[in-house]
Amino acid sequence: MELRTSGDELVGTAPAGGICQRPAAQQVLKGSFQGNVFIGDVTLCQTGDYCSEFATYAVMLFYNFEERALGGPVKVEQGCESSLLKNGVLVLRATEQGASAQPVTAAASERQVQAPTSASGSAAQVAAHRRLEAVDVPAALRQGQQALAAMNALTASQQFQLVLAQEKNNAQALTGMGVAHFLRDQKPEALKLLEQARGAGNQQARAEAWFWMACVKRATQDSKLAQEALRRAVSEGWSAPEGNALVDRELLLLSKEGPNFDSLVKQARVRKRAQGRDSQGAGSVSP
């Protein structure tokens, strides 16, 4: 794939042939960077009984400076598959300077799309020379939390990723990313991030992470661990924010799990967060 830039815009063109057997060269990637985050569209070849041969999807990809790779998840239409993805993830990785792109086959162990580093502007060259811009962390966290409250996982992930690119152990961003994965039904990833948040933050951050772990465990029908996580959240001082539809939904679902759950939910509901208290991951949309 040849990748070129025009200002902040990145455009990728795939040659004819290749694993997708394109009849002619085709523009397959277009978007722009915000720091090390690429937001745009990607066109994939795909297979499936009722799937079009090529389809375009909105994506949010992240550039890893150490690996010199641009990658992220792509959610294709139900029943469709693409040989360009591995476990739903697209990766564009730069080869050594001057090398040509490696061919991708269905049997390739990683199934990664290779992008050569050229003097005319490859993805690696674009990102390597791009310095990570300073992020207004409080503003990004607030916007991420507002997006979660509106159940907009994609926008929330974008904001929290910007924070984590600057502060990799920010507990609020880790929790927010965990909740975003939960909203996208990616429960193992959600639990991993929430566990990280528990170890990275203060008591308030731990309480928030415990609450969302309870929500994820409930969704996986692990009632015993869900109840223990909710108990830990309440004992750490977690309180239910007002006017947060996402939290209200989860509290309702937890309360239906039985009297022990309902008792803990009531304890959390009667508490009121102090005015001006620091925001707690996905639990509040207040600064």
C-alpha atoms as a PDB file:
ATOM      1  CA  MET A   1       0.000   0.000   0.000  1.00  0.00           C
ATOM      2  CA  GLU A   2       1.267   3.472  -0.878  1.00  0.00           C
ATOM      3  CA  LEU A   3       0.537   6.103   1.750  1.00  0.00           C
ATOM      4  CA  ARG A   4       0.797   9.826   1.081  1.00  0.00           C
ATOM      5  CA  THR A   5      -0.101  12.943   2.986  1.00  0.00           C
ATOM      6  CA  SER A   6      -1.684  16.245   2.071  1.00  0.00           C
ATOM      7  CA  GLY A   7      -1.529  18.550   5.068  1.00  0.00           C
ATOM      8  CA  ASP A   8      -2.985  16.588   7.970  1.00  0.00           C
ATOM      9  CA  GLU A   9      -4.792  14.172   5.650  1.00  0.00           C
ATOM     10  CA  LEU A  10      -3.423  10.686   5.039  1.00  0.00           C
ATOM     11  CA  VAL A  11      -4.437   8.753   1.927  1.00  0.00           C
ATOM     12  CA  GLY A  12      -3.593   5.116   1.220  1.00  0.00           C
ATOM     13  CA  THR A  13      -3.760   3.477  -2.213  1.00  0.00           C
ATOM     14  CA  ALA A  14      -3.581  -0.284  -2.741  1.00  0.00           C
ATOM     15  CA  PRO A  15      -2.183  -1.574  -6.041  1.00  0.00           C
ATOM     16  CA  ALA A  16      -4.039  -3.829  -8.449  1.00  0.00           C
ATOM     17  CA  GLY A  17      -4.002  -7.523  -7.605  1.00  0.00           C
ATOM     18  CA  GLY A  18      -2.746  -8.561  -4.188  1.00  0.00           C
ATOM     19  CA  ILE A  19      -4.677 -10.618  -1.681  1.00  0.00           C
ATOM     20  CA  CYS A  20      -7.881  -8.777  -2.602  1.00  0.00           C
ATOM     21  CA  GLN A  21      -7.338  -9.300  -6.347  1.00  0.00           C
ATOM     22  CA  ARG A  22      -8.272  -5.723  -7.123  1.00  0.00           C
ATOM     23  CA  PRO A  23      -8.812  -5.116 -10.844  1.00  0.00           C
ATOM     24  CA  ALA A  24      -7.066  -1.731 -10.543  1.00  0.00           C
ATOM     25  CA  ALA A  25      -5.329   0.467  -7.974  1.00  0.00           C
ATOM     26  CA  GLN A  26      -7.832   1.626  -5.381  1.00  0.00           C
ATOM     27  CA  GLN A  27      -7.889   4.260  -2.640  1.00  0.00           C
ATOM     28  CA  VAL A  28      -8.485   2.260   0.516  1.00  0.00           C
ATOM     29  CA  LEU A  29      -7.570   4.587   3.373  1.00  0.00           C
ATOM     30  CA  LYS A  30      -8.385   8.241   4.001  1.00  0.00           C
ATOM     31  CA  GLY A  31      -8.435  10.331   7.157  1.00  0.00           C
ATOM     32  CA  SER A  32      -6.352  12.532   9.430  1.00  0.00           C
ATOM     33  CA  PHE A  33      -4.293  12.382  12.631  1.00  0.00           C
ATOM     34  CA  GLN A  34      -5.055  13.882  16.011  1.00  0.00           C
ATOM     35  CA  GLY A  35      -1.795  13.364  17.878  1.00  0.00           C
ATOM     36  CA  ASN A  36      -1.038   9.666  17.326  1.00  0.00           C
ATOM     37  CA  VAL A  37      -4.695   8.832  16.639  1.00  0.00           C
ATOM     38  CA  PHE A  38      -5.847   8.357  13.031  1.00  0.00           C
ATOM     39  CA  ILE A  39      -9.550   8.846  12.312  1.00  0.00           C
ATOM     40  CA  GLY A  40     -10.968   8.084   8.900  1.00  0.00           C
ATOM     41  CA  ASP A  41     -12.290   5.357   6.603  1.00  0.00           C
ATOM     42  CA  VAL A  42     -10.832   2.097   5.324  1.00  0.00           C
ATOM     43  CA  THR A  43     -12.038  -0.019   2.410  1.00  0.00           C
ATOM     44  CA  LEU A  44     -11.634  -3.782   2.853  1.00  0.00           C
ATOM     45  CA  CYS A  45     -12.225  -6.733   0.590  1.00  0.00           C
ATOM     46  CA  GLN A  46     -14.496  -9.238   2.294  1.00  0.00           C
ATOM     47  CA  THR A  47     -16.205 -12.574   1.964  1.00  0.00           C
ATOM     48  CA  GLY A  48     -19.570 -13.876   3.071  1.00  0.00           C
ATOM     49  CA  ASP A  49     -22.790 -15.137   1.547  1.00  0.00           C
ATOM     50  CA  TYR A  50     -24.533 -11.773   1.649  1.00  0.00           C
ATOM     51  CA  CYS A  51     -21.505  -9.453   1.734  1.00  0.00           C
ATOM     52  CA  SER A  52     -20.355  -7.013  -0.914  1.00  0.00           C
ATOM     53  CA  GLU A  53     -16.907  -7.674  -2.357  1.00  0.00           C
ATOM     54  CA  PHE A  54     -15.580  -4.371  -0.993  1.00  0.00           C
ATOM     55  CA  ALA A  55     -16.942  -2.291   1.875  1.00  0.00           C
ATOM     56  CA  THR A  56     -15.866   0.939   3.576  1.00  0.00           C
ATOM     57  CA  TYR A  57     -15.840   1.286   7.358  1.00  0.00           C
ATOM     58  CA  ALA A  58     -15.153   4.148   9.756  1.00  0.00           C
ATOM     59  CA  VAL A  59     -12.040   3.448  11.827  1.00  0.00           C
ATOM     60  CA  MET A  60      -9.963   4.857  14.646  1.00  0.00           C
ATOM     61  CA  LEU A  61      -6.366   3.607  14.425  1.00  0.00           C
ATOM     62  CA  PHE A  62      -3.458   4.277  16.774  1.00  0.00           C
ATOM     63  CA  TYR A  63       0.180   4.764  15.836  1.00  0.00           C
ATOM     64  CA  ASN A  64       2.752   2.901  17.949  1.00  0.00           C
ATOM     65  CA  PHE A  65       6.079   4.713  17.663  1.00  0.00           C
ATOM     66  CA  GLU A  66       8.176   1.819  18.962  1.00  0.00           C
ATOM     67  CA  GLU A  67       6.613  -0.779  16.656  1.00  0.00           C
ATOM     68  CA  ARG A  68       6.241   1.667  13.756  1.00  0.00           C
ATOM     69  CA  ALA A  69       2.737   0.342  13.245  1.00  0.00           C
ATOM     70  CA  LEU A  70      -0.674   1.868  12.712  1.00  0.00           C
ATOM     71  CA  GLY A  71      -3.525  -0.338  13.841  1.00  0.00           C
ATOM     72  CA  GLY A  72      -6.892  -0.754  15.464  1.00  0.00           C
ATOM     73  CA  PRO A  73     -10.143  -2.728  15.412  1.00  0.00           C
ATOM     74  CA  VAL A  74     -12.493  -2.745  12.424  1.00  0.00           C
ATOM     75  CA  LYS A  75     -16.021  -3.979  12.999  1.00  0.00           C
ATOM     76  CA  VAL A  76     -17.268  -5.447   9.723  1.00  0.00           C
ATOM     77  CA  GLU A  77     -20.862  -6.255   8.887  1.00  0.00           C
ATOM     78  CA  GLN A  78     -22.328  -9.283  10.608  1.00  0.00           C
ATOM     79  CA  GLY A  79     -21.565 -12.471   8.694  1.00  0.00           C
ATOM     80  CA  CYS A  80     -18.681 -10.905   6.768  1.00  0.00           C
ATOM     81  CA  GLU A  81     -14.955 -11.574   7.043  1.00  0.00           C
ATOM     82  CA  SER A  82     -11.851  -9.925   5.628  1.00  0.00           C
ATOM     83  CA  SER A  83      -8.498 -11.615   5.109  1.00  0.00           C
ATOM     84  CA  LEU A  84      -6.837  -8.258   5.871  1.00  0.00           C
ATOM     85  CA  LEU A  85      -7.888  -8.502   9.508  1.00  0.00           C
ATOM     86  CA  LYS A  86      -6.598 -10.648  12.322  1.00  0.00           C
ATOM     87  CA  ASN A  87      -9.154 -11.150  15.083  1.00  0.00           C
ATOM     88  CA  GLY A  88     -10.932  -8.040  13.833  1.00  0.00           C
ATOM     89  CA  VAL A  89      -7.792  -5.861  13.915  1.00  0.00           C
ATOM     90  CA  LEU A  90      -6.160  -4.053  10.989  1.00  0.00           C
ATOM     91  CA  VAL A  91      -2.405  -3.409  11.187  1.00  0.00           C
ATOM     92  CA  LEU A  92      -0.302  -1.295   8.831  1.00  0.00           C
ATOM     93  CA  ARG A  93       3.359  -1.924   9.604  1.00  0.00           C
ATOM     94  CA  ALA A  94       6.339  -0.196   7.962  1.00  0.00           C
ATOM     95  CA  THR A  95       9.146  -2.362   6.590  1.00  0.00           C
ATOM     96  CA  GLU A  96      12.829  -1.438   6.627  1.00  0.00           C
ATOM     97  CA  GLN A  97      13.882   1.665   4.725  1.00  0.00           C
ATOM     98  CA  GLY A  98      13.782   1.077   0.990  1.00  0.00           C
ATOM     99  CA  ALA A  99      12.127  -2.334   1.193  1.00  0.00           C
ATOM    100  CA  SER A 100       9.074  -3.153  -0.837  1.00  0.00           C
ATOM    101  CA  ALA A 101       5.781  -4.199   0.709  1.00  0.00           C
ATOM    102  CA  GLN A 102       5.598  -7.816   1.758  1.00  0.00           C
ATOM    103  CA  PRO A 103       2.726  -9.763   0.198  1.00  0.00           C
ATOM    104  CA  VAL A 104      -0.107 -10.803   2.485  1.00  0.00           C
ATOM    105  CA  THR A 105      -1.557 -14.290   2.218  1.00  0.00           C
ATOM    106  CA  ALA A 106      -4.422 -15.978   3.954  1.00  0.00           C
ATOM    107  CA  ALA A 107      -1.936 -18.298   5.619  1.00  0.00           C
ATOM    108  CA  ALA A 108       0.258 -15.519   6.984  1.00  0.00           C
ATOM    109  CA  SER A 109       0.643 -15.914  10.711  1.00  0.00           C
ATOM    110  CA  GLU A 110      -0.108 -12.290  11.476  1.00  0.00           C
ATOM    111  CA  ARG A 111      -2.029 -11.291   8.325  1.00  0.00           C
ATOM    112  CA  GLN A 112      -0.655  -7.784   8.508  1.00  0.00           C
ATOM    113  CA  VAL A 113      -0.822  -5.243   5.716  1.00  0.00           C
ATOM    114  CA  GLN A 114       2.758  -4.136   5.039  1.00  0.00           C
ATOM    115  CA  ALA A 115       3.545  -0.531   4.093  1.00  0.00           C
ATOM    116  CA  PRO A 116       6.961   0.443   2.691  1.00  0.00           C
ATOM    117  CA  THR A 117       8.826   3.416   4.057  1.00  0.00           C
ATOM    118  CA  SER A 118       9.361   5.750   1.123  1.00  0.00           C
ATOM    119  CA  ALA A 119      10.714   9.242   0.773  1.00  0.00           C
ATOM    120  CA  SER A 120       7.351  10.406  -0.530  1.00  0.00           C
ATOM    121  CA  GLY A 121       5.563  10.015   2.811  1.00  0.00           C
ATOM    122  CA  SER A 122       4.633   6.660   4.325  1.00  0.00           C
ATOM    123  CA  ALA A 123       2.498   6.170   7.434  1.00  0.00           C
ATOM    124  CA  ALA A 124       5.603   5.532   9.523  1.00  0.00           C
ATOM    125  CA  GLN A 125       7.330   8.619   8.169  1.00  0.00           C
ATOM    126  CA  VAL A 126       4.261  10.736   8.803  1.00  0.00           C
ATOM    127  CA  ALA A 127       3.880   9.604  12.399  1.00  0.00           C
ATOM    128  CA  ALA A 128       7.585   9.395  13.249  1.00  0.00           C
ATOM    129  CA  HIS A 129       8.037  13.064  12.443  1.00  0.00           C
ATOM    130  CA  ARG A 130       4.797  14.017  14.122  1.00  0.00           C
ATOM    131  CA  ARG A 131       5.343  15.011  17.757  1.00  0.00           C
ATOM    132  CA  LEU A 132       2.569  14.041  20.100  1.00  0.00           C
ATOM    133  CA  GLU A 133       0.684  17.239  20.739  1.00  0.00           C
ATOM    134  CA  ALA A 134       0.012  18.324  24.304  1.00  0.00           C
ATOM    135  CA  VAL A 135      -3.399  17.152  25.408  1.00  0.00           C
ATOM    136  CA  ASP A 136      -5.726  19.116  27.677  1.00  0.00           C
ATOM    137  CA  VAL A 137      -6.214  16.135  29.975  1.00  0.00           C
ATOM    138  CA  PRO A 138      -9.139  17.455  32.066  1.00  0.00           C
ATOM    139  CA  ALA A 139     -10.991  18.523  28.922  1.00  0.00           C
ATOM    140  CA  ALA A 140     -10.346  15.201  27.154  1.00  0.00           C
ATOM    141  CA  LEU A 141     -11.494  13.256  30.215  1.00  0.00           C
ATOM    142  CA  ARG A 142     -14.630  15.361  30.493  1.00  0.00           C
ATOM    143  CA  GLN A 143     -15.455  14.877  26.808  1.00  0.00           C
ATOM    144  CA  GLY A 144     -14.798  11.142  27.099  1.00  0.00           C
ATOM    145  CA  GLN A 145     -17.057  10.851  30.108  1.00  0.00           C
ATOM    146  CA  GLN A 146     -19.811  12.803  28.373  1.00  0.00           C
ATOM    147  CA  ALA A 147     -19.528  10.490  25.369  1.00  0.00           C
ATOM    148  CA  LEU A 148     -19.827   7.445  27.627  1.00  0.00           C
ATOM    149  CA  ALA A 149     -22.885   8.883  29.353  1.00  0.00           C
ATOM    150  CA  ALA A 150     -24.392   9.181  25.853  1.00  0.00           C
ATOM    151  CA  MET A 151     -23.205   5.593  25.169  1.00  0.00           C
ATOM    152  CA  ASN A 152     -20.968   6.765  22.323  1.00  0.00           C
ATOM    153  CA  ALA A 153     -18.092   4.312  22.738  1.00  0.00           C
ATOM    154  CA  LEU A 154     -16.104   5.413  19.679  1.00  0.00           C
ATOM    155  CA  THR A 155     -15.884   9.090  20.626  1.00  0.00           C
ATOM    156  CA  ALA A 156     -15.154   8.162  24.234  1.00  0.00           C
ATOM    157  CA  SER A 157     -12.323   5.837  23.200  1.00  0.00           C
ATOM    158  CA  GLN A 158     -10.798   8.573  21.086  1.00  0.00           C
ATOM    159  CA  GLN A 159     -10.666  11.008  24.004  1.00  0.00           C
ATOM    160  CA  PHE A 160      -9.354   8.501  26.523  1.00  0.00           C
ATOM    161  CA  GLN A 161      -6.694   7.256  24.098  1.00  0.00           C
ATOM    162  CA  LEU A 162      -5.419  10.808  23.701  1.00  0.00           C
ATOM    163  CA  VAL A 163      -5.019  11.016  27.465  1.00  0.00           C
ATOM    164  CA  LEU A 164      -3.328   7.626  27.730  1.00  0.00           C
ATOM    165  CA  ALA A 165      -0.886   8.545  24.971  1.00  0.00           C
ATOM    166  CA  GLN A 166       0.312  11.304  27.298  1.00  0.00           C
ATOM    167  CA  GLU A 167      -0.354   9.692  30.708  1.00  0.00           C
ATOM    168  CA  LYS A 168      -0.321   5.919  30.309  1.00  0.00           C
ATOM    169  CA  ASN A 169      -1.340   5.298  33.941  1.00  0.00           C
ATOM    170  CA  ASN A 170      -4.194   7.786  34.139  1.00  0.00           C
ATOM    171  CA  ALA A 171      -6.764   5.818  36.137  1.00  0.00           C
ATOM    172  CA  GLN A 172      -9.773   7.763  34.873  1.00  0.00           C
ATOM    173  CA  ALA A 173      -8.778   7.209  31.242  1.00  0.00           C
ATOM    174  CA  LEU A 174      -8.093   3.512  31.876  1.00  0.00           C
ATOM    175  CA  THR A 175     -11.520   3.126  33.456  1.00  0.00           C
ATOM    176  CA  GLY A 176     -13.139   5.066  30.640  1.00  0.00           C
ATOM    177  CA  MET A 177     -11.468   2.894  28.014  1.00  0.00           C
ATOM    178  CA  GLY A 178     -12.612  -0.174  29.935  1.00  0.00           C
ATOM    179  CA  VAL A 179     -16.210   1.027  29.898  1.00  0.00           C
ATOM    180  CA  ALA A 180     -15.943   1.843  26.187  1.00  0.00           C
ATOM    181  CA  HIS A 181     -14.850  -1.753  25.529  1.00  0.00           C
ATOM    182  CA  PHE A 182     -17.748  -2.956  27.686  1.00  0.00           C
ATOM    183  CA  LEU A 183     -20.197  -0.943  25.586  1.00  0.00           C
ATOM    184  CA  ARG A 184     -18.755  -2.606  22.480  1.00  0.00           C
ATOM    185  CA  ASP A 185     -19.253  -6.031  24.080  1.00  0.00           C
ATOM    186  CA  GLN A 186     -15.494  -6.571  24.432  1.00  0.00           C
ATOM    187  CA  LYS A 187     -15.590  -7.837  27.999  1.00  0.00           C
ATOM    188  CA  PRO A 188     -12.097  -9.392  28.374  1.00  0.00           C
ATOM    189  CA  GLU A 189     -10.491  -6.166  27.175  1.00  0.00           C
ATOM    190  CA  ALA A 190     -12.744  -4.169  29.508  1.00  0.00           C
ATOM    191  CA  LEU A 191     -11.746  -6.237  32.552  1.00  0.00           C
ATOM    192  CA  LYS A 192      -8.042  -5.930  31.762  1.00  0.00           C
ATOM    193  CA  LEU A 193      -8.238  -2.127  31.609  1.00  0.00           C
ATOM    194  CA  LEU A 194     -10.355  -1.908  34.751  1.00  0.00           C
ATOM    195  CA  GLU A 195      -7.820  -4.016  36.634  1.00  0.00           C
ATOM    196  CA  GLN A 196      -5.105  -1.614  35.492  1.00  0.00           C
ATOM    197  CA  ALA A 197      -7.185   1.324  36.705  1.00  0.00           C
ATOM    198  CA  ARG A 198      -7.611  -0.263  40.132  1.00  0.00           C
ATOM    199  CA  GLY A 199      -3.855  -0.423  40.535  1.00  0.00           C
ATOM    200  CA  ALA A 200      -3.125   3.020  39.142  1.00  0.00           C
ATOM    201  CA  GLY A 201      -5.496   5.323  40.984  1.00  0.00           C
ATOM    202  CA  ASN A 202      -6.522   6.510  44.421  1.00  0.00           C
ATOM    203  CA  GLN A 203      -9.439   5.221  46.497  1.00  0.00           C
ATOM    204  CA  GLN A 204     -12.041   7.030  44.396  1.00  0.00           C
ATOM    205  CA  ALA A 205     -10.559   5.602  41.198  1.00  0.00           C
ATOM    206  CA  ARG A 206     -10.498   2.100  42.707  1.00  0.00           C
ATOM    207  CA  ALA A 207     -14.129   2.422  43.704  1.00  0.00           C
ATOM    208  CA  GLU A 208     -15.092   3.451  40.175  1.00  0.00           C
ATOM    209  CA  ALA A 209     -13.162   0.562  38.652  1.00  0.00           C
ATOM    210  CA  TRP A 210     -14.772  -1.907  41.078  1.00  0.00           C
ATOM    211  CA  PHE A 211     -18.240  -0.659  40.105  1.00  0.00           C
ATOM    212  CA  TRP A 212     -17.644  -1.193  36.412  1.00  0.00           C
ATOM    213  CA  MET A 213     -16.066  -4.571  37.062  1.00  0.00           C
ATOM    214  CA  ALA A 214     -19.323  -5.490  38.786  1.00  0.00           C
ATOM    215  CA  CYS A 215     -21.219  -4.420  35.662  1.00  0.00           C
ATOM    216  CA  VAL A 216     -18.995  -6.468  33.369  1.00  0.00           C
ATOM    217  CA  LYS A 217     -19.154  -9.540  35.620  1.00  0.00           C
ATOM    218  CA  ARG A 218     -22.942  -9.266  35.738  1.00  0.00           C
ATOM    219  CA  ALA A 219     -23.019  -9.184  31.950  1.00  0.00           C
ATOM    220  CA  THR A 220     -20.902 -12.356  31.845  1.00  0.00           C
ATOM    221  CA  GLN A 221     -23.336 -13.982  34.293  1.00  0.00           C
ATOM    222  CA  ASP A 222     -20.666 -14.315  36.973  1.00  0.00           C
ATOM    223  CA  SER A 223     -23.005 -13.366  39.796  1.00  0.00           C
ATOM    224  CA  LYS A 224     -20.661 -14.197  42.673  1.00  0.00           C
ATOM    225  CA  LEU A 225     -17.802 -12.020  41.408  1.00  0.00           C
ATOM    226  CA  ALA A 226     -20.212  -9.291  40.326  1.00  0.00           C
ATOM    227  CA  GLN A 227     -21.611  -9.071  43.846  1.00  0.00           C
ATOM    228  CA  GLU A 228     -18.134  -9.011  45.398  1.00  0.00           C
ATOM    229  CA  ALA A 229     -17.006  -6.265  43.023  1.00  0.00           C
ATOM    230  CA  LEU A 230     -20.105  -4.191  43.797  1.00  0.00           C
ATOM    231  CA  ARG A 231     -19.518  -4.680  47.522  1.00  0.00           C
ATOM    232  CA  ARG A 232     -15.940  -3.496  47.119  1.00  0.00           C
ATOM    233  CA  ALA A 233     -17.103  -0.449  45.147  1.00  0.00           C
ATOM    234  CA  VAL A 234     -19.548   0.566  47.878  1.00  0.00           C
ATOM    235  CA  SER A 235     -17.046  -0.086  50.678  1.00  0.00           C
ATOM    236  CA  GLU A 236     -14.478   2.081  48.858  1.00  0.00           C
ATOM    237  CA  GLY A 237     -17.023   4.900  48.835  1.00  0.00           C
ATOM    238  CA  TRP A 238     -18.515   4.711  45.332  1.00  0.00           C
ATOM    239  CA  SER A 239     -21.686   6.754  44.926  1.00  0.00           C
ATOM    240  CA  ALA A 240     -24.144   6.945  42.079  1.00  0.00           C
ATOM    241  CA  PRO A 241     -23.968  10.182  40.050  1.00  0.00           C
ATOM    242  CA  GLU A 242     -27.161  11.992  39.191  1.00  0.00           C
ATOM    243  CA  GLY A 243     -28.468  12.197  35.653  1.00  0.00           C
ATOM    244  CA  ASN A 244     -26.188   9.589  34.104  1.00  0.00           C
ATOM    245  CA  ALA A 245     -28.303   7.303  31.914  1.00  0.00           C
ATOM    246  CA  LEU A 246     -25.575   4.701  31.473  1.00  0.00           C
ATOM    247  CA  VAL A 247     -24.930   4.314  35.202  1.00  0.00           C
ATOM    248  CA  ASP A 248     -28.674   4.294  35.917  1.00  0.00           C
ATOM    249  CA  ARG A 249     -29.107   1.478  33.397  1.00  0.00           C
ATOM    250  CA  GLU A 250     -26.392  -0.590  35.018  1.00  0.00           C
ATOM    251  CA  LEU A 251     -27.696   0.026  38.534  1.00  0.00           C
ATOM    252  CA  LEU A 252     -31.140  -1.152  37.461  1.00  0.00           C
ATOM    253  CA  LEU A 253     -29.686  -4.323  35.954  1.00  0.00           C
ATOM    254  CA  LEU A 254     -27.615  -4.973  39.070  1.00  0.00           C
ATOM    255  CA  SER A 255     -30.578  -4.474  41.397  1.00  0.00           C
ATOM    256  CA  LYS A 256     -32.502  -7.156  39.486  1.00  0.00           C
ATOM    257  CA  GLU A 257     -29.818  -9.735  40.328  1.00  0.00           C
ATOM    258  CA  GLY A 258     -31.253 -10.297  43.809  1.00  0.00           C
ATOM    259  CA  PRO A 259     -31.748  -8.777  47.277  1.00  0.00           C
ATOM    260  CA  ASN A 260     -28.033  -8.613  48.092  1.00  0.00           C
ATOM    261  CA  PHE A 261     -27.382  -6.648  44.925  1.00  0.00           C
ATOM    262  CA  ASP A 262     -30.405  -4.436  45.519  1.00  0.00           C
ATOM    263  CA  SER A 263     -29.194  -3.576  49.024  1.00  0.00           C
ATOM    264  CA  LEU A 264     -25.792  -2.494  47.724  1.00  0.00           C
ATOM    265  CA  VAL A 265     -27.371  -0.480  44.906  1.00  0.00           C
ATOM    266  CA  LYS A 266     -29.568   1.372  47.408  1.00  0.00           C
ATOM    267  CA  GLN A 267     -26.507   2.230  49.496  1.00  0.00           C
ATOM    268  CA  ALA A 268     -24.833   3.708  46.428  1.00  0.00           C
ATOM    269  CA  ARG A 269     -27.956   5.614  45.407  1.00  0.00           C
ATOM    270  CA  VAL A 270     -28.531   7.323  48.757  1.00  0.00           C
ATOM    271  CA  ARG A 271     -25.038   8.770  48.737  1.00  0.00           C
ATOM    272  CA  LYS A 272     -24.618  12.014  46.854  1.00  0.00           C
ATOM    273  CA  ARG A 273     -21.356  13.043  45.318  1.00  0.00           C
ATOM    274  CA  ALA A 274     -20.030  16.169  46.909  1.00  0.00           C
ATOM    275  CA  GLN A 275     -20.271  19.262  44.753  1.00  0.00           C
ATOM    276  CA  GLY A 276     -16.997  19.763  42.918  1.00  0.00           C
ATOM    277  CA  ARG A 277     -15.740  16.252  43.622  1.00  0.00           C
ATOM    278  CA  ASP A 278     -13.284  14.961  41.027  1.00  0.00           C
ATOM    279  CA  SER A 279     -14.839  13.112  38.142  1.00  0.00           C
ATOM    280  CA  GLN A 280     -14.737   9.364  38.368  1.00  0.00           C
ATOM    281  CA  GLY A 281     -14.084   7.741  35.018  1.00  0.00           C
ATOM    282  CA  ALA A 282     -17.429   6.951  33.429  1.00  0.00           C
ATOM    283  CA  GLY A 283     -19.383   7.642  36.589  1.00  0.00           C
ATOM    284  CA  SER A 284     -19.763  11.373  36.198  1.00  0.00           C
ATOM    285  CA  VAL A 285     -19.924  13.921  33.436  1.00  0.00           C
ATOM    286  CA  SER A 286     -19.015  16.782  35.761  1.00  0.00           C
ATOM    287  CA  PRO A 287     -15.553  18.312  35.727  1.00  0.00           C
END
